[in-house]
Amino acid sequence: FKEALKIKAFVDEIYGEFLKFDLRNSELRRKSDSIKWNLKKLEDVIFDITLKGKLR
């Protein structure tokens, strides 16, 4: 679980840096969107792990 949190924090940091750039209609914009969706997936996984831990 700790590793998942570390990975999420790292991806969140990368995404934050991407947001500082003007990425309109560029290849980097698509990469930024990909990072955003992967971050959402990580958040969902962490949420699921947390729920499963509380149900036991």
PDB file of N, CA and C in Angstrom:
ATOM      1  N   PHE A   1       0.823  -1.197   0.000  1.00  0.00           N
ATOM      2  CA  PHE A   1       0.000   0.000   0.000  1.00  0.00           C
ATOM      3  C   PHE A   1       0.867   1.261   0.000  1.00  0.00           C
ATOM      4  N   LYS A   2       1.959   1.217   0.750  1.00  0.00           N
ATOM      5  CA  LYS A   2       2.849   2.381   0.811  1.00  0.00           C
ATOM      6  C   LYS A   2       3.466   2.678  -0.553  1.00  0.00           C
ATOM      7  N   GLU A   3       3.784   1.614  -1.295  1.00  0.00           N
ATOM      8  CA  GLU A   3       4.363   1.799  -2.628  1.00  0.00           C
ATOM      9  C   GLU A   3       3.363   2.478  -3.563  1.00  0.00           C
ATOM     10  N   ALA A   4       2.101   2.071  -3.461  1.00  0.00           N
ATOM     11  CA  ALA A   4       1.068   2.695  -4.298  1.00  0.00           C
ATOM     12  C   ALA A   4       0.958   4.187  -3.987  1.00  0.00           C
ATOM     13  N   LEU A   5       1.052   4.543  -2.726  1.00  0.00           N
ATOM     14  CA  LEU A   5       0.994   5.959  -2.344  1.00  0.00           C
ATOM     15  C   LEU A   5       2.203   6.729  -2.866  1.00  0.00           C
ATOM     16  N   LYS A   6       3.376   6.101  -2.828  1.00  0.00           N
ATOM     17  CA  LYS A   6       4.587   6.747  -3.348  1.00  0.00           C
ATOM     18  C   LYS A   6       4.474   6.977  -4.853  1.00  0.00           C
ATOM     19  N   ILE A   7       3.983   5.962  -5.566  1.00  0.00           N
ATOM     20  CA  ILE A   7       3.835   6.077  -7.013  1.00  0.00           C
ATOM     21  C   ILE A   7       2.828   7.168  -7.355  1.00  0.00           C
ATOM     22  N   LYS A   8       1.720   7.199  -6.626  1.00  0.00           N
ATOM     23  CA  LYS A   8       0.692   8.219  -6.860  1.00  0.00           C
ATOM     24  C   LYS A   8       1.255   9.616  -6.627  1.00  0.00           C
ATOM     25  N   ALA A   9       2.021   9.784  -5.563  1.00  0.00           N
ATOM     26  CA  ALA A   9       2.615  11.087  -5.267  1.00  0.00           C
ATOM     27  C   ALA A   9       3.585  11.505  -6.372  1.00  0.00           C
ATOM     28  N   PHE A  10       4.358  10.548  -6.886  1.00  0.00           N
ATOM     29  CA  PHE A  10       5.314  10.832  -7.953  1.00  0.00           C
ATOM     30  C   PHE A  10       4.589  11.249  -9.238  1.00  0.00           C
ATOM     31  N   VAL A  11       3.570  10.502  -9.616  1.00  0.00           N
ATOM     32  CA  VAL A  11       2.809  10.823 -10.824  1.00  0.00           C
ATOM     33  C   VAL A  11       2.096  12.163 -10.655  1.00  0.00           C
ATOM     34  N   ASP A  12       1.597  12.432  -9.468  1.00  0.00           N
ATOM     35  CA  ASP A  12       0.942  13.710  -9.185  1.00  0.00           C
ATOM     36  C   ASP A  12       1.928  14.862  -9.351  1.00  0.00           C
ATOM     37  N   GLU A  13       3.147  14.661  -8.919  1.00  0.00           N
ATOM     38  CA  GLU A  13       4.184  15.687  -9.058  1.00  0.00           C
ATOM     39  C   GLU A  13       4.511  15.934 -10.532  1.00  0.00           C
ATOM     40  N   ILE A  14       4.633  14.865 -11.304  1.00  0.00           N
ATOM     41  CA  ILE A  14       4.902  15.001 -12.741  1.00  0.00           C
ATOM     42  C   ILE A  14       3.764  15.761 -13.419  1.00  0.00           C
ATOM     43  N   TYR A  15       2.544  15.388 -13.091  1.00  0.00           N
ATOM     44  CA  TYR A  15       1.378  16.047 -13.696  1.00  0.00           C
ATOM     45  C   TYR A  15       1.354  17.534 -13.327  1.00  0.00           C
ATOM     46  N   GLY A  16       1.691  17.853 -12.105  1.00  0.00           N
ATOM     47  CA  GLY A  16       1.746  19.248 -11.680  1.00  0.00           C
ATOM     48  C   GLY A  16       2.744  20.053 -12.492  1.00  0.00           C
ATOM     49  N   GLU A  17       3.868  19.443 -12.820  1.00  0.00           N
ATOM     50  CA  GLU A  17       4.872  20.126 -13.642  1.00  0.00           C
ATOM     51  C   GLU A  17       4.359  20.325 -15.070  1.00  0.00           C
ATOM     52  N   PHE A  18       3.673  19.320 -15.608  1.00  0.00           N
ATOM     53  CA  PHE A  18       3.117  19.448 -16.954  1.00  0.00           C
ATOM     54  C   PHE A  18       2.109  20.588 -17.032  1.00  0.00           C
ATOM     55  N   LEU A  19       1.368  20.818 -15.959  1.00  0.00           N
ATOM     56  CA  LEU A  19       0.348  21.866 -15.966  1.00  0.00           C
ATOM     57  C   LEU A  19       0.946  23.270 -16.057  1.00  0.00           C
ATOM     58  N   LYS A  20       2.219  23.406 -15.780  1.00  0.00           N
ATOM     59  CA  LYS A  20       2.876  24.711 -15.832  1.00  0.00           C
ATOM     60  C   LYS A  20       3.151  25.173 -17.264  1.00  0.00           C
ATOM     61  N   PHE A  21       3.086  24.243 -18.213  1.00  0.00           N
ATOM     62  CA  PHE A  21       3.393  24.566 -19.606  1.00  0.00           C
ATOM     63  C   PHE A  21       2.124  24.905 -20.386  1.00  0.00           C
ATOM     64  N   ASP A  22       2.305  25.654 -21.464  1.00  0.00           N
ATOM     65  CA  ASP A  22       1.208  25.924 -22.395  1.00  0.00           C
ATOM     66  C   ASP A  22       1.211  24.788 -23.417  1.00  0.00           C
ATOM     67  N   LEU A  23       0.285  23.865 -23.260  1.00  0.00           N
ATOM     68  CA  LEU A  23       0.316  22.643 -24.059  1.00  0.00           C
ATOM     69  C   LEU A  23      -0.808  22.569 -25.089  1.00  0.00           C
ATOM     70  N   ARG A  24      -1.414  23.647 -25.422  1.00  0.00           N
ATOM     71  CA  ARG A  24      -2.566  23.612 -26.330  1.00  0.00           C
ATOM     72  C   ARG A  24      -2.233  22.928 -27.650  1.00  0.00           C
ATOM     73  N   ASN A  25      -3.038  21.916 -27.977  1.00  0.00           N
ATOM     74  CA  ASN A  25      -2.976  21.231 -29.275  1.00  0.00           C
ATOM     75  C   ASN A  25      -1.582  20.743 -29.650  1.00  0.00           C
ATOM     76  N   SER A  26      -0.890  20.164 -28.720  1.00  0.00           N
ATOM     77  CA  SER A  26       0.438  19.634 -29.022  1.00  0.00           C
ATOM     78  C   SER A  26       0.513  18.178 -28.574  1.00  0.00           C
ATOM     79  N   GLU A  27       1.584  17.534 -28.989  1.00  0.00           N
ATOM     80  CA  GLU A  27       1.810  16.144 -28.574  1.00  0.00           C
ATOM     81  C   GLU A  27       1.959  16.062 -27.058  1.00  0.00           C
ATOM     82  N   LEU A  28       2.587  17.074 -26.466  1.00  0.00           N
ATOM     83  CA  LEU A  28       2.731  17.081 -25.007  1.00  0.00           C
ATOM     84  C   LEU A  28       1.383  17.185 -24.308  1.00  0.00           C
ATOM     85  N   ARG A  29       0.413  17.810 -24.956  1.00  0.00           N
ATOM     86  CA  ARG A  29      -0.931  17.897 -24.372  1.00  0.00           C
ATOM     87  C   ARG A  29      -1.528  16.501 -24.235  1.00  0.00           C
ATOM     88  N   ARG A  30      -1.335  15.677 -25.255  1.00  0.00           N
ATOM     89  CA  ARG A  30      -1.847  14.304 -25.200  1.00  0.00           C
ATOM     90  C   ARG A  30      -1.134  13.512 -24.116  1.00  0.00           C
ATOM     91  N   LYS A  31       0.143  13.746 -23.956  1.00  0.00           N
ATOM     92  CA  LYS A  31       0.893  13.080 -22.881  1.00  0.00           C
ATOM     93  C   LYS A  31       0.376  13.534 -21.522  1.00  0.00           C
ATOM     94  N   SER A  32       0.109  14.819 -21.401  1.00  0.00           N
ATOM     95  CA  SER A  32      -0.419  15.359 -20.150  1.00  0.00           C
ATOM     96  C   SER A  32      -1.776  14.745 -19.822  1.00  0.00           C
ATOM     97  N   ASP A  33      -2.622  14.605 -20.829  1.00  0.00           N
ATOM     98  CA  ASP A  33      -3.927  13.972 -20.618  1.00  0.00           C
ATOM     99  C   ASP A  33      -3.768  12.523 -20.185  1.00  0.00           C
ATOM    100  N   SER A  34      -2.808  11.846 -20.774  1.00  0.00           N
ATOM    101  CA  SER A  34      -2.538  10.454 -20.411  1.00  0.00           C
ATOM    102  C   SER A  34      -2.098  10.350 -18.952  1.00  0.00           C
ATOM    103  N   ILE A  35      -1.250  11.261 -18.530  1.00  0.00           N
ATOM    104  CA  ILE A  35      -0.807  11.280 -17.132  1.00  0.00           C
ATOM    105  C   ILE A  35      -1.999  11.524 -16.212  1.00  0.00           C
ATOM    106  N   LYS A  36      -2.875  12.436 -16.611  1.00  0.00           N
ATOM    107  CA  LYS A  36      -4.047  12.752 -15.794  1.00  0.00           C
ATOM    108  C   LYS A  36      -4.925  11.512 -15.612  1.00  0.00           C
ATOM    109  N   TRP A  37      -5.176  10.775 -16.679  1.00  0.00           N
ATOM    110  CA  TRP A  37      -6.027   9.588 -16.580  1.00  0.00           C
ATOM    111  C   TRP A  37      -5.349   8.479 -15.787  1.00  0.00           C
ATOM    112  N   ASN A  38      -4.040   8.333 -15.939  1.00  0.00           N
ATOM    113  CA  ASN A  38      -3.319   7.333 -15.148  1.00  0.00           C
ATOM    114  C   ASN A  38      -3.322   7.701 -13.668  1.00  0.00           C
ATOM    115  N   LEU A  39      -3.252   8.977 -13.373  1.00  0.00           N
ATOM    116  CA  LEU A  39      -3.336   9.432 -11.984  1.00  0.00           C
ATOM    117  C   LEU A  39      -4.702   9.079 -11.402  1.00  0.00           C
ATOM    118  N   LYS A  40      -5.740   9.258 -12.195  1.00  0.00           N
ATOM    119  CA  LYS A  40      -7.091   8.902 -11.752  1.00  0.00           C
ATOM    120  C   LYS A  40      -7.190   7.402 -11.473  1.00  0.00           C
ATOM    121  N   LYS A  41      -6.577   6.585 -12.316  1.00  0.00           N
ATOM    122  CA  LYS A  41      -6.582   5.134 -12.099  1.00  0.00           C
ATOM    123  C   LYS A  41      -5.864   4.778 -10.799  1.00  0.00           C
ATOM    124  N   LEU A  42      -4.739   5.432 -10.543  1.00  0.00           N
ATOM    125  CA  LEU A  42      -4.005   5.191  -9.299  1.00  0.00           C
ATOM    126  C   LEU A  42      -4.845   5.570  -8.087  1.00  0.00           C
ATOM    127  N   GLU A  43      -5.536   6.688  -8.169  1.00  0.00           N
ATOM    128  CA  GLU A  43      -6.401   7.106  -7.061  1.00  0.00           C
ATOM    129  C   GLU A  43      -7.508   6.084  -6.823  1.00  0.00           C
ATOM    130  N   ASP A  44      -8.059   5.535  -7.903  1.00  0.00           N
ATOM    131  CA  ASP A  44      -9.100   4.510  -7.770  1.00  0.00           C
ATOM    132  C   ASP A  44      -8.559   3.243  -7.115  1.00  0.00           C
ATOM    133  N   VAL A  45      -7.355   2.834  -7.494  1.00  0.00           N
ATOM    134  CA  VAL A  45      -6.738   1.644  -6.902  1.00  0.00           C
ATOM    135  C   VAL A  45      -6.505   1.854  -5.410  1.00  0.00           C
ATOM    136  N   ILE A  46      -5.980   3.005  -5.046  1.00  0.00           N
ATOM    137  CA  ILE A  46      -5.724   3.302  -3.634  1.00  0.00           C
ATOM    138  C   ILE A  46      -7.034   3.326  -2.854  1.00  0.00           C
ATOM    139  N   PHE A  47      -8.067   3.884  -3.440  1.00  0.00           N
ATOM    140  CA  PHE A  47      -9.379   3.907  -2.795  1.00  0.00           C
ATOM    141  C   PHE A  47      -9.894   2.484  -2.575  1.00  0.00           C
ATOM    142  N   ASP A  48      -9.777   1.637  -3.601  1.00  0.00           N
ATOM    143  CA  ASP A  48     -10.224   0.244  -3.479  1.00  0.00           C
ATOM    144  C   ASP A  48      -9.448  -0.505  -2.402  1.00  0.00           C
ATOM    145  N   ILE A  49      -8.141  -0.309  -2.363  1.00  0.00           N
ATOM    146  CA  ILE A  49      -7.313  -0.971  -1.347  1.00  0.00           C
ATOM    147  C   ILE A  49      -7.733  -0.510   0.044  1.00  0.00           C
ATOM    148  N   THR A  50      -7.974   0.778   0.183  1.00  0.00           N
ATOM    149  CA  THR A  50      -8.392   1.327   1.472  1.00  0.00           C
ATOM    150  C   THR A  50      -9.730   0.740   1.906  1.00  0.00           C
ATOM    151  N   LEU A  51     -10.679   0.655   0.982  1.00  0.00           N
ATOM    152  CA  LEU A  51     -11.989   0.089   1.307  1.00  0.00           C
ATOM    153  C   LEU A  51     -11.884  -1.376   1.709  1.00  0.00           C
ATOM    154  N   LYS A  52     -11.106  -2.137   0.966  1.00  0.00           N
ATOM    155  CA  LYS A  52     -10.958  -3.563   1.269  1.00  0.00           C
ATOM    156  C   LYS A  52     -10.317  -3.763   2.631  1.00  0.00           C
ATOM    157  N   GLY A  53      -9.389  -2.892   2.983  1.00  0.00           N
ATOM    158  CA  GLY A  53      -8.746  -2.981   4.289  1.00  0.00           C
ATOM    159  C   GLY A  53      -9.704  -2.683   5.427  1.00  0.00           C
ATOM    160  N   LYS A  54     -10.648  -1.799   5.195  1.00  0.00           N
ATOM    161  CA  LYS A  54     -11.606  -1.430   6.240  1.00  0.00           C
ATOM    162  C   LYS A  54     -12.728  -2.449   6.374  1.00  0.00           C
ATOM    163  N   LEU A  55     -12.967  -3.229   5.324  1.00  0.00           N
ATOM    164  CA  LEU A  55     -14.042  -4.216   5.364  1.00  0.00           C
ATOM    165  C   LEU A  55     -13.637  -5.489   6.097  1.00  0.00           C
ATOM    166  N   ARG A  56     -12.374  -5.704   6.272  1.00  0.00           N
ATOM    167  CA  ARG A  56     -11.899  -6.925   6.930  1.00  0.00           C
ATOM    168  C   ARG A  56     -11.977  -6.828   8.407  1.00  0.00           C
TER     169      ARG A  56
END
